[in-house]
Amino acid sequence: FRATSEGGIPENFKLFIYDRWGNKVYETNDMIAGWDGTYKGFDCELGVYVFSIEYNFAGKQTKYLSDNVTLVR
């Protein structure tokens, strides 16, 4: 799972993924990097996870986006 942008690469970017108990299982500042469904080298349980993204383009206000992503294999 990774973010994409039709407006180019943001100046600042953060992606967080949380399990259903609110534990952070993934964090990156690299928009190109993506979550491979693991935590500390082990496969995460199948199910629904919450993602949160913070980003801004040069000279623009920071925007926030969050939703669910379902992990399947």
PDB file of N, CA and C in Angstrom:
ATOM      1  N   PHE A   1       0.853  -1.172   0.000  1.00  0.00           N
ATOM      2  CA  PHE A   1       0.000   0.000   0.000  1.00  0.00           C
ATOM      3  C   PHE A   1       0.891   1.224   0.000  1.00  0.00           C
ATOM      4  N   ARG A   2       0.625   2.143  -0.928  1.00  0.00           N
ATOM      5  CA  ARG A   2       1.372   3.401  -0.936  1.00  0.00           C
ATOM      6  C   ARG A   2       0.503   4.503  -1.506  1.00  0.00           C
ATOM      7  N   ALA A   3       0.893   5.721  -1.249  1.00  0.00           N
ATOM      8  CA  ALA A   3       0.153   6.889  -1.730  1.00  0.00           C
ATOM      9  C   ALA A   3       0.613   7.264  -3.127  1.00  0.00           C
ATOM     10  N   THR A   4      -0.280   7.866  -3.868  1.00  0.00           N
ATOM     11  CA  THR A   4       0.047   8.421  -5.185  1.00  0.00           C
ATOM     12  C   THR A   4      -0.477   9.854  -5.237  1.00  0.00           C
ATOM     13  N   SER A   5       0.047  10.620  -6.180  1.00  0.00           N
ATOM     14  CA  SER A   5      -0.372  12.004  -6.321  1.00  0.00           C
ATOM     15  C   SER A   5      -0.399  12.382  -7.793  1.00  0.00           C
ATOM     16  N   GLU A   6      -1.484  13.000  -8.204  1.00  0.00           N
ATOM     17  CA  GLU A   6      -1.587  13.499  -9.570  1.00  0.00           C
ATOM     18  C   GLU A   6      -0.971  14.885  -9.695  1.00  0.00           C
ATOM     19  N   GLY A   7      -0.683  15.523  -8.559  1.00  0.00           N
ATOM     20  CA  GLY A   7      -0.158  16.880  -8.557  1.00  0.00           C
ATOM     21  C   GLY A   7       1.342  16.970  -8.343  1.00  0.00           C
ATOM     22  N   GLY A   8       2.065  15.871  -8.542  1.00  0.00           N
ATOM     23  CA  GLY A   8       3.502  15.877  -8.316  1.00  0.00           C
ATOM     24  C   GLY A   8       3.860  15.369  -6.938  1.00  0.00           C
ATOM     25  N   ILE A   9       5.125  15.514  -6.595  1.00  0.00           N
ATOM     26  CA  ILE A   9       5.619  15.053  -5.304  1.00  0.00           C
ATOM     27  C   ILE A   9       5.462  16.182  -4.278  1.00  0.00           C
ATOM     28  N   PRO A  10       4.805  15.919  -3.153  1.00  0.00           N
ATOM     29  CA  PRO A  10       4.648  16.958  -2.136  1.00  0.00           C
ATOM     30  C   PRO A  10       5.993  17.362  -1.528  1.00  0.00           C
ATOM     31  N   GLU A  11       6.042  18.581  -1.028  1.00  0.00           N
ATOM     32  CA  GLU A  11       7.238  19.066  -0.342  1.00  0.00           C
ATOM     33  C   GLU A  11       7.443  18.309   0.971  1.00  0.00           C
ATOM     34  N   ASN A  12       6.359  18.077   1.689  1.00  0.00           N
ATOM     35  CA  ASN A  12       6.392  17.318   2.938  1.00  0.00           C
ATOM     36  C   ASN A  12       5.344  16.218   2.853  1.00  0.00           C
ATOM     37  N   PHE A  13       5.698  15.046   3.363  1.00  0.00           N
ATOM     38  CA  PHE A  13       4.812  13.901   3.276  1.00  0.00           C
ATOM     39  C   PHE A  13       5.048  12.973   4.462  1.00  0.00           C
ATOM     40  N   LYS A  14       3.980  12.493   5.067  1.00  0.00           N
ATOM     41  CA  LYS A  14       4.061  11.494   6.133  1.00  0.00           C
ATOM     42  C   LYS A  14       2.903  10.527   5.962  1.00  0.00           C
ATOM     43  N   LEU A  15       3.205   9.236   6.042  1.00  0.00           N
ATOM     44  CA  LEU A  15       2.187   8.189   5.998  1.00  0.00           C
ATOM     45  C   LEU A  15       2.295   7.357   7.262  1.00  0.00           C
ATOM     46  N   PHE A  16       1.173   7.177   7.939  1.00  0.00           N
ATOM     47  CA  PHE A  16       1.103   6.350   9.136  1.00  0.00           C
ATOM     48  C   PHE A  16       0.050   5.273   8.917  1.00  0.00           C
ATOM     49  N   ILE A  17       0.310   4.063   9.423  1.00  0.00           N
ATOM     50  CA  ILE A  17      -0.675   2.987   9.384  1.00  0.00           C
ATOM     51  C   ILE A  17      -0.808   2.426  10.791  1.00  0.00           C
ATOM     52  N   TYR A  18      -2.070   2.259  11.224  1.00  0.00           N
ATOM     53  CA  TYR A  18      -2.382   1.797  12.573  1.00  0.00           C
ATOM     54  C   TYR A  18      -3.238   0.533  12.505  1.00  0.00           C
ATOM     55  N   ASP A  19      -3.036  -0.357  13.477  1.00  0.00           N
ATOM     56  CA  ASP A  19      -3.891  -1.536  13.560  1.00  0.00           C
ATOM     57  C   ASP A  19      -5.207  -1.167  14.242  1.00  0.00           C
ATOM     58  N   ARG A  20      -6.092  -2.135  14.414  1.00  0.00           N
ATOM     59  CA  ARG A  20      -7.422  -1.840  14.953  1.00  0.00           C
ATOM     60  C   ARG A  20      -7.412  -1.417  16.408  1.00  0.00           C
ATOM     61  N   TRP A  21      -6.307  -1.602  17.101  1.00  0.00           N
ATOM     62  CA  TRP A  21      -6.177  -1.170  18.486  1.00  0.00           C
ATOM     63  C   TRP A  21      -5.479   0.182  18.601  1.00  0.00           C
ATOM     64  N   GLY A  22      -5.137   0.775  17.460  1.00  0.00           N
ATOM     65  CA  GLY A  22      -4.491   2.082  17.471  1.00  0.00           C
ATOM     66  C   GLY A  22      -2.988   2.050  17.567  1.00  0.00           C
ATOM     67  N   ASN A  23      -2.388   0.863  17.468  1.00  0.00           N
ATOM     68  CA  ASN A  23      -0.930   0.752  17.500  1.00  0.00           C
ATOM     69  C   ASN A  23      -0.352   1.086  16.121  1.00  0.00           C
ATOM     70  N   LYS A  24       0.646   1.948  16.106  1.00  0.00           N
ATOM     71  CA  LYS A  24       1.283   2.309  14.835  1.00  0.00           C
ATOM     72  C   LYS A  24       2.133   1.132  14.354  1.00  0.00           C
ATOM     73  N   VAL A  25       1.843   0.648  13.139  1.00  0.00           N
ATOM     74  CA  VAL A  25       2.596  -0.473  12.575  1.00  0.00           C
ATOM     75  C   VAL A  25       3.502  -0.044  11.431  1.00  0.00           C
ATOM     76  N   TYR A  26       3.336   1.203  10.942  1.00  0.00           N
ATOM     77  CA  TYR A  26       4.172   1.659   9.834  1.00  0.00           C
ATOM     78  C   TYR A  26       4.194   3.184   9.819  1.00  0.00           C
ATOM     79  N   GLU A  27       5.345   3.733   9.451  1.00  0.00           N
ATOM     80  CA  GLU A  27       5.501   5.182   9.297  1.00  0.00           C
ATOM     81  C   GLU A  27       6.587   5.437   8.261  1.00  0.00           C
ATOM     82  N   THR A  28       6.347   6.394   7.370  1.00  0.00           N
ATOM     83  CA  THR A  28       7.367   6.789   6.408  1.00  0.00           C
ATOM     84  C   THR A  28       7.189   8.247   6.019  1.00  0.00           C
ATOM     85  N   ASN A  29       8.289   8.864   5.627  1.00  0.00           N
ATOM     86  CA  ASN A  29       8.284  10.211   5.050  1.00  0.00           C
ATOM     87  C   ASN A  29       8.526  10.151   3.554  1.00  0.00           C
ATOM     88  N   ASP A  30       8.691   8.958   3.012  1.00  0.00           N
ATOM     89  CA  ASP A  30       9.005   8.746   1.601  1.00  0.00           C
ATOM     90  C   ASP A  30       7.741   8.336   0.856  1.00  0.00           C
ATOM     91  N   MET A  31       7.253   9.198  -0.026  1.00  0.00           N
ATOM     92  CA  MET A  31       6.023   8.907  -0.743  1.00  0.00           C
ATOM     93  C   MET A  31       6.161   7.694  -1.657  1.00  0.00           C
ATOM     94  N   ILE A  32       7.347   7.426  -2.145  1.00  0.00           N
ATOM     95  CA  ILE A  32       7.584   6.298  -3.039  1.00  0.00           C
ATOM     96  C   ILE A  32       7.553   4.973  -2.282  1.00  0.00           C
ATOM     97  N   ALA A  33       7.959   5.000  -1.018  1.00  0.00           N
ATOM     98  CA  ALA A  33       7.953   3.777  -0.202  1.00  0.00           C
ATOM     99  C   ALA A  33       6.511   3.385   0.100  1.00  0.00           C
ATOM    100  N   GLY A  34       6.291   2.123   0.298  1.00  0.00           N
ATOM    101  CA  GLY A  34       4.954   1.647   0.625  1.00  0.00           C
ATOM    102  C   GLY A  34       5.009   0.607   1.732  1.00  0.00           C
ATOM    103  N   TRP A  35       3.866   0.371   2.334  1.00  0.00           N
ATOM    104  CA  TRP A  35       3.755  -0.615   3.403  1.00  0.00           C
ATOM    105  C   TRP A  35       3.555  -1.980   2.785  1.00  0.00           C
ATOM    106  N   ASP A  36       4.345  -2.942   3.201  1.00  0.00           N
ATOM    107  CA  ASP A  36       4.269  -4.300   2.650  1.00  0.00           C
ATOM    108  C   ASP A  36       3.465  -5.260   3.520  1.00  0.00           C
ATOM    109  N   GLY A  37       2.736  -4.738   4.485  1.00  0.00           N
ATOM    110  CA  GLY A  37       1.895  -5.575   5.331  1.00  0.00           C
ATOM    111  C   GLY A  37       2.633  -6.256   6.459  1.00  0.00           C
ATOM    112  N   THR A  38       3.822  -5.734   6.789  1.00  0.00           N
ATOM    113  CA  THR A  38       4.590  -6.330   7.878  1.00  0.00           C
ATOM    114  C   THR A  38       4.815  -5.311   8.990  1.00  0.00           C
ATOM    115  N   TYR A  39       5.176  -5.834  10.163  1.00  0.00           N
ATOM    116  CA  TYR A  39       5.552  -5.017  11.306  1.00  0.00           C
ATOM    117  C   TYR A  39       6.718  -5.708  11.981  1.00  0.00           C
ATOM    118  N   LYS A  40       7.831  -4.995  12.086  1.00  0.00           N
ATOM    119  CA  LYS A  40       9.062  -5.536  12.672  1.00  0.00           C
ATOM    120  C   LYS A  40       9.469  -6.859  12.018  1.00  0.00           C
ATOM    121  N   GLY A  41       9.269  -6.940  10.690  1.00  0.00           N
ATOM    122  CA  GLY A  41       9.705  -8.110   9.933  1.00  0.00           C
ATOM    123  C   GLY A  41       8.741  -9.279   9.916  1.00  0.00           C
ATOM    124  N   PHE A  42       7.599  -9.159  10.578  1.00  0.00           N
ATOM    125  CA  PHE A  42       6.616 -10.241  10.615  1.00  0.00           C
ATOM    126  C   PHE A  42       5.335  -9.812   9.917  1.00  0.00           C
ATOM    127  N   ASP A  43       4.663 -10.763   9.270  1.00  0.00           N
ATOM    128  CA  ASP A  43       3.399 -10.475   8.600  1.00  0.00           C
ATOM    129  C   ASP A  43       2.352 -10.016   9.605  1.00  0.00           C
ATOM    130  N   CYS A  44       1.647  -8.944   9.268  1.00  0.00           N
ATOM    131  CA  CYS A  44       0.541  -8.476  10.098  1.00  0.00           C
ATOM    132  C   CYS A  44      -0.677  -9.361   9.849  1.00  0.00           C
ATOM    133  N   GLU A  45      -1.586  -9.358  10.811  1.00  0.00           N
ATOM    134  CA  GLU A  45      -2.825 -10.100  10.656  1.00  0.00           C
ATOM    135  C   GLU A  45      -3.634  -9.510   9.509  1.00  0.00           C
ATOM    136  N   LEU A  46      -4.352 -10.370   8.803  1.00  0.00           N
ATOM    137  CA  LEU A  46      -5.253  -9.899   7.763  1.00  0.00           C
ATOM    138  C   LEU A  46      -6.356  -9.093   8.428  1.00  0.00           C
ATOM    139  N   GLY A  47      -6.821  -8.064   7.746  1.00  0.00           N
ATOM    140  CA  GLY A  47      -7.893  -7.260   8.312  1.00  0.00           C
ATOM    141  C   GLY A  47      -7.798  -5.808   7.914  1.00  0.00           C
ATOM    142  N   VAL A  48      -8.546  -5.004   8.621  1.00  0.00           N
ATOM    143  CA  VAL A  48      -8.657  -3.578   8.313  1.00  0.00           C
ATOM    144  C   VAL A  48      -7.667  -2.782   9.152  1.00  0.00           C
ATOM    145  N   TYR A  49      -6.977  -1.872   8.490  1.00  0.00           N
ATOM    146  CA  TYR A  49      -6.017  -0.966   9.122  1.00  0.00           C
ATOM    147  C   TYR A  49      -6.404   0.461   8.759  1.00  0.00           C
ATOM    148  N   VAL A  50      -6.018   1.396   9.592  1.00  0.00           N
ATOM    149  CA  VAL A  50      -6.290   2.814   9.344  1.00  0.00           C
ATOM    150  C   VAL A  50      -5.015   3.468   8.842  1.00  0.00           C
ATOM    151  N   PHE A  51      -5.138   4.245   7.773  1.00  0.00           N
ATOM    152  CA  PHE A  51      -3.987   5.028   7.332  1.00  0.00           C
ATOM    153  C   PHE A  51      -4.285   6.505   7.500  1.00  0.00           C
ATOM    154  N   SER A  52      -3.230   7.251   7.764  1.00  0.00           N
ATOM    155  CA  SER A  52      -3.312   8.696   7.926  1.00  0.00           C
ATOM    156  C   SER A  52      -2.164   9.309   7.135  1.00  0.00           C
ATOM    157  N   ILE A  53      -2.479  10.311   6.338  1.00  0.00           N
ATOM    158  CA  ILE A  53      -1.471  10.975   5.511  1.00  0.00           C
ATOM    159  C   ILE A  53      -1.495  12.465   5.807  1.00  0.00           C
ATOM    160  N   GLU A  54      -0.311  13.035   5.975  1.00  0.00           N
ATOM    161  CA  GLU A  54      -0.127  14.483   6.089  1.00  0.00           C
ATOM    162  C   GLU A  54       0.767  14.903   4.934  1.00  0.00           C
ATOM    163  N   TYR A  55       0.377  15.948   4.223  1.00  0.00           N
ATOM    164  CA  TYR A  55       1.199  16.387   3.091  1.00  0.00           C
ATOM    165  C   TYR A  55       0.953  17.854   2.775  1.00  0.00           C
ATOM    166  N   ASN A  56       1.916  18.451   2.115  1.00  0.00           N
ATOM    167  CA  ASN A  56       1.715  19.779   1.556  1.00  0.00           C
ATOM    168  C   ASN A  56       2.649  19.983   0.367  1.00  0.00           C
ATOM    169  N   PHE A  57       2.178  20.769  -0.553  1.00  0.00           N
ATOM    170  CA  PHE A  57       2.990  21.178  -1.697  1.00  0.00           C
ATOM    171  C   PHE A  57       3.617  22.529  -1.366  1.00  0.00           C
ATOM    172  N   ALA A  58       4.702  22.867  -2.031  1.00  0.00           N
ATOM    173  CA  ALA A  58       5.452  24.089  -1.748  1.00  0.00           C
ATOM    174  C   ALA A  58       4.523  25.303  -1.675  1.00  0.00           C
ATOM    175  N   GLY A  59       4.607  26.020  -0.559  1.00  0.00           N
ATOM    176  CA  GLY A  59       3.826  27.235  -0.374  1.00  0.00           C
ATOM    177  C   GLY A  59       2.361  27.011  -0.061  1.00  0.00           C
ATOM    178  N   LYS A  60       1.934  25.786   0.098  1.00  0.00           N
ATOM    179  CA  LYS A  60       0.524  25.479   0.357  1.00  0.00           C
ATOM    180  C   LYS A  60       0.336  24.993   1.789  1.00  0.00           C
ATOM    181  N   GLN A  61      -0.888  25.035   2.265  1.00  0.00           N
ATOM    182  CA  GLN A  61      -1.231  24.596   3.608  1.00  0.00           C
ATOM    183  C   GLN A  61      -1.182  23.070   3.709  1.00  0.00           C
ATOM    184  N   THR A  62      -0.818  22.563   4.883  1.00  0.00           N
ATOM    185  CA  THR A  62      -0.788  21.116   5.119  1.00  0.00           C
ATOM    186  C   THR A  62      -2.198  20.549   5.056  1.00  0.00           C
ATOM    187  N   LYS A  63      -2.323  19.409   4.377  1.00  0.00           N
ATOM    188  CA  LYS A  63      -3.606  18.718   4.275  1.00  0.00           C
ATOM    189  C   LYS A  63      -3.490  17.368   4.962  1.00  0.00           C
ATOM    190  N   TYR A  64      -4.635  16.864   5.397  1.00  0.00           N
ATOM    191  CA  TYR A  64      -4.695  15.601   6.125  1.00  0.00           C
ATOM    192  C   TYR A  64      -5.728  14.695   5.458  1.00  0.00           C
ATOM    193  N   LEU A  65      -5.393  13.424   5.378  1.00  0.00           N
ATOM    194  CA  LEU A  65      -6.280  12.440   4.775  1.00  0.00           C
ATOM    195  C   LEU A  65      -6.189  11.168   5.593  1.00  0.00           C
ATOM    196  N   SER A  66      -7.318  10.556   5.893  1.00  0.00           N
ATOM    197  CA  SER A  66      -7.291   9.266   6.584  1.00  0.00           C
ATOM    198  C   SER A  66      -8.459   8.418   6.109  1.00  0.00           C
ATOM    199  N   ASP A  67      -8.255   7.111   6.158  1.00  0.00           N
ATOM    200  CA  ASP A  67      -9.262   6.164   5.708  1.00  0.00           C
ATOM    201  C   ASP A  67      -8.820   4.781   6.140  1.00  0.00           C
ATOM    202  N   ASN A  68      -9.498   3.775   5.655  1.00  0.00           N
ATOM    203  CA  ASN A  68      -9.154   2.388   5.962  1.00  0.00           C
ATOM    204  C   ASN A  68      -8.536   1.716   4.758  1.00  0.00           C
ATOM    205  N   VAL A  69      -7.702   0.726   5.037  1.00  0.00           N
ATOM    206  CA  VAL A  69      -7.150  -0.143   4.000  1.00  0.00           C
ATOM    207  C   VAL A  69      -7.258  -1.569   4.544  1.00  0.00           C
ATOM    208  N   THR A  70      -7.647  -2.505   3.676  1.00  0.00           N
ATOM    209  CA  THR A  70      -7.806  -3.895   4.095  1.00  0.00           C
ATOM    210  C   THR A  70      -6.599  -4.700   3.623  1.00  0.00           C
ATOM    211  N   LEU A  71      -5.949  -5.370   4.551  1.00  0.00           N
ATOM    212  CA  LEU A  71      -4.804  -6.200   4.233  1.00  0.00           C
ATOM    213  C   LEU A  71      -5.277  -7.604   3.868  1.00  0.00           C
ATOM    214  N   VAL A  72      -4.983  -8.046   2.657  1.00  0.00           N
ATOM    215  CA  VAL A  72      -5.281  -9.391   2.179  1.00  0.00           C
ATOM    216  C   VAL A  72      -4.032  -9.955   1.544  1.00  0.00           C
ATOM    217  N   ARG A  73      -3.937 -11.267   1.496  1.00  0.00           N
ATOM    218  CA  ARG A  73      -2.808 -11.906   0.833  1.00  0.00           C
ATOM    219  C   ARG A  73      -3.305 -12.936  -0.135  1.00  0.00           C
TER     220      ARG A  73
END
